[in-house]
Amino acid sequence: RKNIIYYDVISFSWTFSSRGMTQVEIQDCLPENILHMVQDKLKLLPRQLQTAMALASYTHETISLDLMFALMLQYSGRHKRMELKAEEEEESKSNLQKPPSWDSPSQEVPLVQLEALMQLANKEGLVLKDALAKNAAAKNTTYRFAHDRIREAARASVPEGEDRDLMLLDICQVLLERSGFMVHRQELLTSKEFNFATPGATEEEEDTNWMLFTSVGHMNSLPPA
């Protein structure tokens, strides 16, 4: 928390800086390992940014702001439906409904706010921002984790269990829709042979291949229904 060890995005390495602290103070601040240190740092971020980082950690090595926004919408939408269902089942004397708080999992995050959150993650050295082409829309900005340990810590922020399984299903639904699988699923079922990476595939088609394979991997990791 005191940034004794931090990831330098310029030198692409972990850097130590005591900043005049005593040895006892340093020992009290240092966790057992780097992963725990990164996890502690993630816990200090806004909850919505923690969610975005966790979702991104289960996708690709790079992720666009647009795709992350779609994942956040799917995630918040599911939580909103769960909250509405719970309210309907709950017997209440009052007909008044409490609006979700700004920090609720069901609260939607506007694209401009998500962009600001990712800029914060970039400032903290957690993600790297890829260069954006001239005149390109902000939603096309792509990010990558600054280090594998940071991605690992983001994944570990959601413990194994029902919450993580439902989050993986959210990711699968968005990725399958983005890949075009939902539209062409009948063609995939009836085709005797389907090659995801044909030599004649366009760049756009190749960019969606990882979505299919990632979705299949996540679904295979889920426990039987």
C-alpha atoms as a PDB file:
ATOM      1  CA  ARG A   1       0.000   0.000   0.000  1.00  0.00           C
ATOM      2  CA  LYS A   2       2.957   2.292   0.512  1.00  0.00           C
ATOM      3  CA  ASN A   3       4.282   1.412  -2.963  1.00  0.00           C
ATOM      4  CA  ILE A   4       7.478  -0.064  -1.567  1.00  0.00           C
ATOM      5  CA  ILE A   5       7.417  -2.462  -4.502  1.00  0.00           C
ATOM      6  CA  TYR A   6       5.720  -1.326  -7.668  1.00  0.00           C
ATOM      7  CA  TYR A   7       5.682  -2.324 -11.322  1.00  0.00           C
ATOM      8  CA  ASP A   8       7.516   0.248 -13.448  1.00  0.00           C
ATOM      9  CA  VAL A   9       5.676   0.504 -16.783  1.00  0.00           C
ATOM     10  CA  ILE A  10       8.690   2.233 -18.333  1.00  0.00           C
ATOM     11  CA  SER A  11      11.302  -0.396 -17.499  1.00  0.00           C
ATOM     12  CA  PHE A  12       8.751  -3.267 -17.459  1.00  0.00           C
ATOM     13  CA  SER A  13      10.080  -4.547 -14.142  1.00  0.00           C
ATOM     14  CA  TRP A  14       9.266  -4.617 -10.441  1.00  0.00           C
ATOM     15  CA  THR A  15      11.012  -1.764  -8.613  1.00  0.00           C
ATOM     16  CA  PHE A  16      11.883  -1.392  -4.932  1.00  0.00           C
ATOM     17  CA  SER A  17      11.746   1.997  -3.232  1.00  0.00           C
ATOM     18  CA  SER A  18      11.925   2.400   0.557  1.00  0.00           C
ATOM     19  CA  ARG A  19      11.563   6.212   0.391  1.00  0.00           C
ATOM     20  CA  GLY A  20      13.313   6.724   3.708  1.00  0.00           C
ATOM     21  CA  MET A  21      11.363   4.070   5.627  1.00  0.00           C
ATOM     22  CA  THR A  22      13.032   2.087   8.378  1.00  0.00           C
ATOM     23  CA  GLN A  23      13.701  -1.642   8.008  1.00  0.00           C
ATOM     24  CA  VAL A  24      11.015  -2.455  10.595  1.00  0.00           C
ATOM     25  CA  GLU A  25       8.440  -0.375   8.726  1.00  0.00           C
ATOM     26  CA  ILE A  26       9.357  -2.094   5.467  1.00  0.00           C
ATOM     27  CA  GLN A  27       8.993  -5.564   6.995  1.00  0.00           C
ATOM     28  CA  ASP A  28       5.569  -4.641   8.386  1.00  0.00           C
ATOM     29  CA  CYS A  29       4.384  -3.437   4.984  1.00  0.00           C
ATOM     30  CA  LEU A  30       5.724  -6.195   2.771  1.00  0.00           C
ATOM     31  CA  PRO A  31       3.366  -9.142   2.158  1.00  0.00           C
ATOM     32  CA  GLU A  32       4.504 -12.741   1.869  1.00  0.00           C
ATOM     33  CA  ASN A  33       4.748 -12.614  -1.899  1.00  0.00           C
ATOM     34  CA  ILE A  34       4.183 -10.398  -4.909  1.00  0.00           C
ATOM     35  CA  LEU A  35       0.754 -11.867  -5.655  1.00  0.00           C
ATOM     36  CA  HIS A  36      -0.550 -10.878  -2.231  1.00  0.00           C
ATOM     37  CA  MET A  37       0.894  -7.413  -2.693  1.00  0.00           C
ATOM     38  CA  VAL A  38      -0.919  -6.952  -6.001  1.00  0.00           C
ATOM     39  CA  GLN A  39      -4.151  -8.311  -4.498  1.00  0.00           C
ATOM     40  CA  ASP A  40      -3.907  -5.733  -1.708  1.00  0.00           C
ATOM     41  CA  LYS A  41      -3.418  -3.005  -4.299  1.00  0.00           C
ATOM     42  CA  LEU A  42      -6.464  -4.147  -6.283  1.00  0.00           C
ATOM     43  CA  LYS A  43      -8.612  -4.045  -3.140  1.00  0.00           C
ATOM     44  CA  LEU A  44      -7.921  -0.316  -2.866  1.00  0.00           C
ATOM     45  CA  LEU A  45      -9.429   0.361  -6.310  1.00  0.00           C
ATOM     46  CA  PRO A  46     -13.079   1.364  -6.851  1.00  0.00           C
ATOM     47  CA  ARG A  47     -15.291  -1.727  -6.792  1.00  0.00           C
ATOM     48  CA  GLN A  48     -16.407  -1.183 -10.395  1.00  0.00           C
ATOM     49  CA  LEU A  49     -12.781  -1.109 -11.558  1.00  0.00           C
ATOM     50  CA  GLN A  50     -12.085  -4.297  -9.603  1.00  0.00           C
ATOM     51  CA  THR A  51     -14.971  -5.919 -11.495  1.00  0.00           C
ATOM     52  CA  ALA A  52     -13.676  -4.676 -14.851  1.00  0.00           C
ATOM     53  CA  MET A  53     -10.195  -6.028 -14.079  1.00  0.00           C
ATOM     54  CA  ALA A  54     -11.608  -9.411 -13.042  1.00  0.00           C
ATOM     55  CA  LEU A  55     -13.697  -9.679 -16.210  1.00  0.00           C
ATOM     56  CA  ALA A  56     -10.754  -8.675 -18.394  1.00  0.00           C
ATOM     57  CA  SER A  57      -8.501 -11.258 -16.759  1.00  0.00           C
ATOM     58  CA  TYR A  58     -10.682 -14.047 -18.156  1.00  0.00           C
ATOM     59  CA  THR A  59     -10.601 -12.818 -21.758  1.00  0.00           C
ATOM     60  CA  HIS A  60      -7.664 -12.119 -24.054  1.00  0.00           C
ATOM     61  CA  GLU A  61      -4.158 -10.757 -23.534  1.00  0.00           C
ATOM     62  CA  THR A  62      -5.540  -7.477 -24.890  1.00  0.00           C
ATOM     63  CA  ILE A  63      -9.103  -6.209 -24.551  1.00  0.00           C
ATOM     64  CA  SER A  64     -10.825  -3.222 -26.112  1.00  0.00           C
ATOM     65  CA  LEU A  65     -12.735  -0.686 -24.058  1.00  0.00           C
ATOM     66  CA  ASP A  66     -15.794  -1.510 -26.166  1.00  0.00           C
ATOM     67  CA  LEU A  67     -15.669  -5.217 -25.285  1.00  0.00           C
ATOM     68  CA  MET A  68     -15.050  -4.445 -21.631  1.00  0.00           C
ATOM     69  CA  PHE A  69     -18.091  -2.159 -21.668  1.00  0.00           C
ATOM     70  CA  ALA A  70     -20.215  -4.999 -23.098  1.00  0.00           C
ATOM     71  CA  LEU A  71     -18.953  -7.358 -20.385  1.00  0.00           C
ATOM     72  CA  MET A  72     -19.782  -4.831 -17.679  1.00  0.00           C
ATOM     73  CA  LEU A  73     -23.297  -4.356 -19.085  1.00  0.00           C
ATOM     74  CA  GLN A  74     -23.889  -8.120 -19.090  1.00  0.00           C
ATOM     75  CA  TYR A  75     -22.527  -8.415 -15.540  1.00  0.00           C
ATOM     76  CA  SER A  76     -24.593  -5.531 -14.124  1.00  0.00           C
ATOM     77  CA  GLY A  77     -27.681  -6.662 -16.053  1.00  0.00           C
ATOM     78  CA  ARG A  78     -27.539 -10.120 -14.478  1.00  0.00           C
ATOM     79  CA  HIS A  79     -27.183  -8.635 -10.998  1.00  0.00           C
ATOM     80  CA  LYS A  80     -30.104  -6.304 -11.678  1.00  0.00           C
ATOM     81  CA  ARG A  81     -32.315  -9.236 -12.687  1.00  0.00           C
ATOM     82  CA  MET A  82     -31.244 -11.131  -9.573  1.00  0.00           C
ATOM     83  CA  GLU A  83     -32.083  -8.156  -7.366  1.00  0.00           C
ATOM     84  CA  LEU A  84     -35.503  -7.696  -8.981  1.00  0.00           C
ATOM     85  CA  LYS A  85     -36.267 -11.378  -8.504  1.00  0.00           C
ATOM     86  CA  ALA A  86     -35.242 -11.185  -4.848  1.00  0.00           C
ATOM     87  CA  GLU A  87     -37.459  -8.133  -4.339  1.00  0.00           C
ATOM     88  CA  GLU A  88     -40.421  -9.910  -5.902  1.00  0.00           C
ATOM     89  CA  GLU A  89     -39.955 -12.939  -3.662  1.00  0.00           C
ATOM     90  CA  GLU A  90     -39.436 -10.888  -0.532  1.00  0.00           C
ATOM     91  CA  GLU A  91     -42.552 -10.041   1.398  1.00  0.00           C
ATOM     92  CA  SER A  92     -42.485  -6.370   2.223  1.00  0.00           C
ATOM     93  CA  LYS A  93     -44.962  -4.037   3.821  1.00  0.00           C
ATOM     94  CA  SER A  94     -43.759  -1.132   1.729  1.00  0.00           C
ATOM     95  CA  ASN A  95     -44.210  -0.812  -2.012  1.00  0.00           C
ATOM     96  CA  LEU A  96     -41.262   1.554  -2.268  1.00  0.00           C
ATOM     97  CA  GLN A  97     -38.177   0.209  -4.006  1.00  0.00           C
ATOM     98  CA  LYS A  98     -34.716   1.387  -3.104  1.00  0.00           C
ATOM     99  CA  PRO A  99     -32.639   2.481  -6.091  1.00  0.00           C
ATOM    100  CA  PRO A 100     -29.314   0.661  -6.406  1.00  0.00           C
ATOM    101  CA  SER A 101     -26.369   2.467  -4.893  1.00  0.00           C
ATOM    102  CA  TRP A 102     -23.568   3.738  -7.112  1.00  0.00           C
ATOM    103  CA  ASP A 103     -21.391   0.880  -5.838  1.00  0.00           C
ATOM    104  CA  SER A 104     -23.952  -1.887  -6.396  1.00  0.00           C
ATOM    105  CA  PRO A 105     -23.029  -4.730  -8.813  1.00  0.00           C
ATOM    106  CA  SER A 106     -26.290  -3.975 -10.631  1.00  0.00           C
ATOM    107  CA  GLN A 107     -25.369  -0.344 -11.253  1.00  0.00           C
ATOM    108  CA  GLU A 108     -24.475   0.235 -14.906  1.00  0.00           C
ATOM    109  CA  VAL A 109     -21.199   1.997 -15.635  1.00  0.00           C
ATOM    110  CA  PRO A 110     -21.348   4.509 -18.524  1.00  0.00           C
ATOM    111  CA  LEU A 111     -18.674   4.149 -21.188  1.00  0.00           C
ATOM    112  CA  VAL A 112     -17.065   7.469 -20.290  1.00  0.00           C
ATOM    113  CA  GLN A 113     -16.841   6.412 -16.622  1.00  0.00           C
ATOM    114  CA  LEU A 114     -15.347   3.054 -17.565  1.00  0.00           C
ATOM    115  CA  GLU A 115     -12.753   4.875 -19.657  1.00  0.00           C
ATOM    116  CA  ALA A 116     -11.869   7.020 -16.633  1.00  0.00           C
ATOM    117  CA  LEU A 117     -11.567   3.919 -14.454  1.00  0.00           C
ATOM    118  CA  MET A 118      -9.201   2.278 -16.947  1.00  0.00           C
ATOM    119  CA  GLN A 119      -7.127   5.451 -17.050  1.00  0.00           C
ATOM    120  CA  LEU A 120      -6.840   5.135 -13.275  1.00  0.00           C
ATOM    121  CA  ALA A 121      -5.676   1.525 -13.643  1.00  0.00           C
ATOM    122  CA  ASN A 122      -3.131   2.706 -16.210  1.00  0.00           C
ATOM    123  CA  LYS A 123      -1.914   5.447 -13.862  1.00  0.00           C
ATOM    124  CA  GLU A 124      -1.514   2.871 -11.076  1.00  0.00           C
ATOM    125  CA  GLY A 125       0.669   0.759 -13.376  1.00  0.00           C
ATOM    126  CA  LEU A 126      -1.801  -2.142 -13.473  1.00  0.00           C
ATOM    127  CA  VAL A 127      -2.621  -2.023 -17.187  1.00  0.00           C
ATOM    128  CA  LEU A 128      -0.877  -0.716 -20.286  1.00  0.00           C
ATOM    129  CA  LYS A 129      -2.753   1.318 -22.859  1.00  0.00           C
ATOM    130  CA  ASP A 130      -2.033   0.502 -26.487  1.00  0.00           C
ATOM    131  CA  ALA A 131      -1.497   3.354 -28.911  1.00  0.00           C
ATOM    132  CA  LEU A 132      -4.733   4.436 -30.601  1.00  0.00           C
ATOM    133  CA  ALA A 133      -4.858   5.080 -34.323  1.00  0.00           C
ATOM    134  CA  LYS A 134      -5.437   8.669 -35.407  1.00  0.00           C
ATOM    135  CA  ASN A 135      -9.116   9.705 -35.369  1.00  0.00           C
ATOM    136  CA  ALA A 136     -10.091   6.326 -33.875  1.00  0.00           C
ATOM    137  CA  ALA A 137     -12.974   6.238 -31.410  1.00  0.00           C
ATOM    138  CA  ALA A 138     -12.113   5.976 -27.713  1.00  0.00           C
ATOM    139  CA  LYS A 139     -14.103   2.733 -27.451  1.00  0.00           C
ATOM    140  CA  ASN A 140     -11.505   1.081 -29.699  1.00  0.00           C
ATOM    141  CA  THR A 141      -8.739   1.704 -27.161  1.00  0.00           C
ATOM    142  CA  THR A 142      -7.166  -1.566 -26.107  1.00  0.00           C
ATOM    143  CA  TYR A 143      -5.556  -2.430 -22.782  1.00  0.00           C
ATOM    144  CA  ARG A 144      -3.330  -5.219 -21.527  1.00  0.00           C
ATOM    145  CA  PHE A 145      -2.240  -6.186 -18.050  1.00  0.00           C
ATOM    146  CA  ALA A 146       1.171  -4.757 -17.215  1.00  0.00           C
ATOM    147  CA  HIS A 147       2.313  -8.097 -15.800  1.00  0.00           C
ATOM    148  CA  ASP A 148       1.068 -11.690 -15.622  1.00  0.00           C
ATOM    149  CA  ARG A 149       1.011 -11.456 -11.826  1.00  0.00           C
ATOM    150  CA  ILE A 150      -1.452  -8.567 -12.037  1.00  0.00           C
ATOM    151  CA  ARG A 151      -3.733 -10.599 -14.269  1.00  0.00           C
ATOM    152  CA  GLU A 152      -3.403 -13.550 -11.892  1.00  0.00           C
ATOM    153  CA  ALA A 153      -4.323 -11.340  -8.933  1.00  0.00           C
ATOM    154  CA  ALA A 154      -7.348  -9.969 -10.798  1.00  0.00           C
ATOM    155  CA  ARG A 155      -8.547 -13.526 -11.425  1.00  0.00           C
ATOM    156  CA  ALA A 156      -7.993 -14.484  -7.798  1.00  0.00           C
ATOM    157  CA  SER A 157     -10.135 -11.533  -6.670  1.00  0.00           C
ATOM    158  CA  VAL A 158     -13.214 -13.653  -7.460  1.00  0.00           C
ATOM    159  CA  PRO A 159     -12.976 -16.891  -5.448  1.00  0.00           C
ATOM    160  CA  GLU A 160     -14.049 -20.181  -6.992  1.00  0.00           C
ATOM    161  CA  GLY A 161     -17.738 -20.797  -6.486  1.00  0.00           C
ATOM    162  CA  GLU A 162     -21.132 -19.807  -7.804  1.00  0.00           C
ATOM    163  CA  ASP A 163     -20.268 -16.110  -8.213  1.00  0.00           C
ATOM    164  CA  ARG A 164     -17.236 -16.891 -10.351  1.00  0.00           C
ATOM    165  CA  ASP A 165     -19.150 -19.493 -12.384  1.00  0.00           C
ATOM    166  CA  LEU A 166     -21.928 -17.000 -13.144  1.00  0.00           C
ATOM    167  CA  MET A 167     -19.327 -14.391 -14.096  1.00  0.00           C
ATOM    168  CA  LEU A 168     -17.738 -16.857 -16.533  1.00  0.00           C
ATOM    169  CA  LEU A 169     -21.154 -17.491 -18.076  1.00  0.00           C
ATOM    170  CA  ASP A 170     -21.571 -13.718 -18.501  1.00  0.00           C
ATOM    171  CA  ILE A 171     -18.244 -13.604 -20.316  1.00  0.00           C
ATOM    172  CA  CYS A 172     -19.126 -16.593 -22.505  1.00  0.00           C
ATOM    173  CA  GLN A 173     -22.434 -15.069 -23.556  1.00  0.00           C
ATOM    174  CA  VAL A 174     -20.828 -11.792 -24.625  1.00  0.00           C
ATOM    175  CA  LEU A 175     -17.916 -13.482 -26.410  1.00  0.00           C
ATOM    176  CA  LEU A 176     -20.159 -15.904 -28.291  1.00  0.00           C
ATOM    177  CA  GLU A 177     -22.398 -13.059 -29.413  1.00  0.00           C
ATOM    178  CA  ARG A 178     -19.409 -10.982 -30.492  1.00  0.00           C
ATOM    179  CA  SER A 179     -17.846 -13.879 -32.370  1.00  0.00           C
ATOM    180  CA  GLY A 180     -20.988 -14.396 -34.438  1.00  0.00           C
ATOM    181  CA  PHE A 181     -21.472 -17.894 -33.057  1.00  0.00           C
ATOM    182  CA  MET A 182     -25.064 -17.190 -32.037  1.00  0.00           C
ATOM    183  CA  VAL A 183     -25.923 -16.156 -35.600  1.00  0.00           C
ATOM    184  CA  HIS A 184     -24.163 -19.023 -37.330  1.00  0.00           C
ATOM    185  CA  ARG A 185     -24.679 -21.790 -34.759  1.00  0.00           C
ATOM    186  CA  GLN A 186     -27.017 -23.684 -37.073  1.00  0.00           C
ATOM    187  CA  GLU A 187     -24.358 -23.625 -39.782  1.00  0.00           C
ATOM    188  CA  LEU A 188     -21.818 -24.958 -37.302  1.00  0.00           C
ATOM    189  CA  LEU A 189     -24.139 -27.772 -36.235  1.00  0.00           C
ATOM    190  CA  THR A 190     -24.949 -28.902 -39.775  1.00  0.00           C
ATOM    191  CA  SER A 191     -21.474 -28.498 -41.273  1.00  0.00           C
ATOM    192  CA  LYS A 192     -19.426 -31.692 -41.444  1.00  0.00           C
ATOM    193  CA  GLU A 193     -16.177 -29.780 -41.246  1.00  0.00           C
ATOM    194  CA  PHE A 194     -15.551 -26.326 -39.854  1.00  0.00           C
ATOM    195  CA  ASN A 195     -12.133 -24.731 -39.668  1.00  0.00           C
ATOM    196  CA  PHE A 196     -11.876 -21.749 -37.345  1.00  0.00           C
ATOM    197  CA  ALA A 197      -8.594 -20.525 -38.832  1.00  0.00           C
ATOM    198  CA  THR A 198      -8.863 -21.017 -42.574  1.00  0.00           C
ATOM    199  CA  PRO A 199      -6.075 -19.532 -44.734  1.00  0.00           C
ATOM    200  CA  GLY A 200      -8.594 -17.230 -46.383  1.00  0.00           C
ATOM    201  CA  ALA A 201     -10.003 -15.862 -43.127  1.00  0.00           C
ATOM    202  CA  THR A 202     -10.117 -12.098 -42.861  1.00  0.00           C
ATOM    203  CA  GLU A 203      -8.339 -10.218 -40.094  1.00  0.00           C
ATOM    204  CA  GLU A 204     -11.685  -9.524 -38.426  1.00  0.00           C
ATOM    205  CA  GLU A 205     -12.596 -13.235 -38.479  1.00  0.00           C
ATOM    206  CA  GLU A 206      -9.233 -14.205 -37.019  1.00  0.00           C
ATOM    207  CA  ASP A 207      -9.686 -11.646 -34.242  1.00  0.00           C
ATOM    208  CA  THR A 208     -12.885 -13.387 -33.111  1.00  0.00           C
ATOM    209  CA  ASN A 209     -11.443 -16.916 -33.090  1.00  0.00           C
ATOM    210  CA  TRP A 210     -10.048 -16.454 -29.593  1.00  0.00           C
ATOM    211  CA  MET A 211     -13.550 -15.598 -28.370  1.00  0.00           C
ATOM    212  CA  LEU A 212     -14.836 -19.030 -29.397  1.00  0.00           C
ATOM    213  CA  PHE A 213     -11.934 -20.956 -27.882  1.00  0.00           C
ATOM    214  CA  THR A 214     -11.987 -18.884 -24.679  1.00  0.00           C
ATOM    215  CA  SER A 215     -15.722 -19.474 -24.272  1.00  0.00           C
ATOM    216  CA  VAL A 216     -15.323 -23.214 -24.760  1.00  0.00           C
ATOM    217  CA  GLY A 217     -12.501 -23.293 -22.213  1.00  0.00           C
ATOM    218  CA  HIS A 218     -14.575 -21.439 -19.629  1.00  0.00           C
ATOM    219  CA  MET A 219     -17.651 -23.613 -20.165  1.00  0.00           C
ATOM    220  CA  ASN A 220     -15.542 -26.760 -19.819  1.00  0.00           C
ATOM    221  CA  SER A 221     -14.227 -25.483 -16.486  1.00  0.00           C
ATOM    222  CA  LEU A 222     -17.725 -25.101 -15.018  1.00  0.00           C
ATOM    223  CA  PRO A 223     -19.162 -27.831 -12.787  1.00  0.00           C
ATOM    224  CA  PRO A 224     -22.005 -29.994 -14.169  1.00  0.00           C
ATOM    225  CA  ALA A 225     -25.424 -28.402 -13.835  1.00  0.00           C
END
